[in-house]
Protein backbone atom coordinates (compact mmCIF):
# COMPACT_ATOMS: atom_id res chain seq x y z
CA VAL A 1 -11.98 40.81 17.30
CA PHE A 2 -13.55 42.35 14.24
CA ASN A 3 -13.72 41.71 10.56
CA SER A 4 -16.36 44.19 9.54
CA THR A 5 -16.73 47.95 9.34
CA GLU A 6 -19.89 47.66 11.41
CA LEU A 7 -19.26 48.61 15.04
CA LYS A 8 -21.94 46.20 16.28
CA ASP A 9 -19.88 43.28 14.93
CA ILE A 10 -16.92 43.94 17.25
CA GLU A 11 -16.26 41.27 19.85
CA TYR A 12 -14.27 41.92 23.03
CA ILE A 13 -12.32 38.91 24.32
CA ARG A 14 -10.07 38.79 27.39
CA SER A 15 -8.26 35.48 27.73
CA TYR A 16 -6.40 34.07 30.71
CA TYR A 17 -3.51 31.67 30.16
CA TYR A 18 -1.28 29.45 32.27
CA ASN A 19 1.64 27.57 30.68
CA MET A 20 0.46 28.74 27.25
CA ILE A 21 -2.96 27.08 27.74
CA GLU A 22 -6.07 29.24 27.75
CA PHE A 23 -8.10 28.30 30.80
CA THR A 24 -10.72 31.07 30.99
CA ARG A 25 -12.06 33.73 28.65
CA PHE A 26 -14.48 36.62 28.88
CA ASP A 27 -16.36 36.85 25.59
CA SER A 28 -18.60 39.87 24.95
CA SER A 29 -20.78 37.94 22.51
CA VAL A 30 -21.62 35.48 25.31
CA GLY A 31 -21.57 38.19 28.00
CA LYS A 32 -19.83 36.09 30.62
CA TYR A 33 -16.71 34.10 31.43
CA VAL A 34 -16.24 30.69 29.83
CA GLY A 35 -13.86 28.03 31.16
CA PHE A 36 -11.86 25.63 28.99
CA THR A 37 -10.12 23.52 31.63
CA GLU A 38 -11.31 22.15 34.96
CA TYR A 39 -9.59 25.05 36.72
CA GLY A 40 -10.97 27.50 34.16
CA VAL A 41 -14.55 26.28 34.60
CA LYS A 42 -14.27 26.81 38.37
CA ASN A 43 -12.88 30.32 37.82
CA ALA A 44 -15.62 31.15 35.32
CA GLU A 45 -18.35 29.99 37.69
CA TYR A 46 -16.89 32.09 40.50
CA TRP A 47 -16.32 35.20 38.35
CA ASN A 48 -19.78 34.99 36.74
CA LYS A 49 -21.36 35.38 40.19
CA ASP A 50 -19.89 38.89 40.51
CA GLN A 51 -22.44 41.06 38.69
CA GLY A 52 -20.30 44.18 39.12
CA ASP A 53 -17.33 42.57 37.41
CA LEU A 54 -19.52 41.27 34.59
CA ALA A 55 -20.97 44.74 34.03
CA ALA A 56 -17.46 46.21 33.95
CA MET A 57 -16.26 43.60 31.46
CA ARG A 58 -19.29 44.18 29.24
CA ALA A 59 -18.54 47.92 29.28
CA GLU A 60 -14.98 47.25 28.10
CA LYS A 61 -16.26 46.53 24.60
CA GLU A 62 -17.52 50.08 24.27
CA ARG A 63 -14.70 51.73 26.22
CA TYR A 64 -11.78 49.91 24.65
CA CYS A 65 -12.97 48.69 21.26
CA GLN A 66 -15.66 50.91 19.86
CA ARG A 67 -13.96 54.22 20.65
CA GLY A 68 -10.65 53.17 19.19
CA ILE A 69 -11.94 51.45 16.08
CA GLU A 70 -13.34 54.63 14.57
CA ILE A 71 -9.89 56.22 14.78
CA TRP A 72 -8.19 53.05 13.51
CA TYR A 73 -10.50 52.78 10.51
CA SER A 74 -10.17 56.44 9.60
CA ASN A 75 -6.35 56.21 9.70
CA TYR A 76 -6.05 52.98 7.72
CA LEU A 77 -8.82 53.50 5.20
CA THR A 78 -7.43 56.87 4.17
CA LYS A 79 -4.03 55.26 3.48
CA SER A 80 -5.22 52.30 1.47
């Protein structure tokens, strides 16, 4: 998620759904998993205990978002 040209403003979100209902989400601005349903809260509590997984998810913001956004901006801003 981003709505700024500043790379620090990018937010990485990975959502988990069941029957079109979001039950858990990793949010890089919070830095951990957040649950939205009873099942999701239990998952978030369990997943937040795994420090290795949390570190990997936090690194996804830089790996997936920040590297690609520079290319995306350069392509789209030159065409507008």
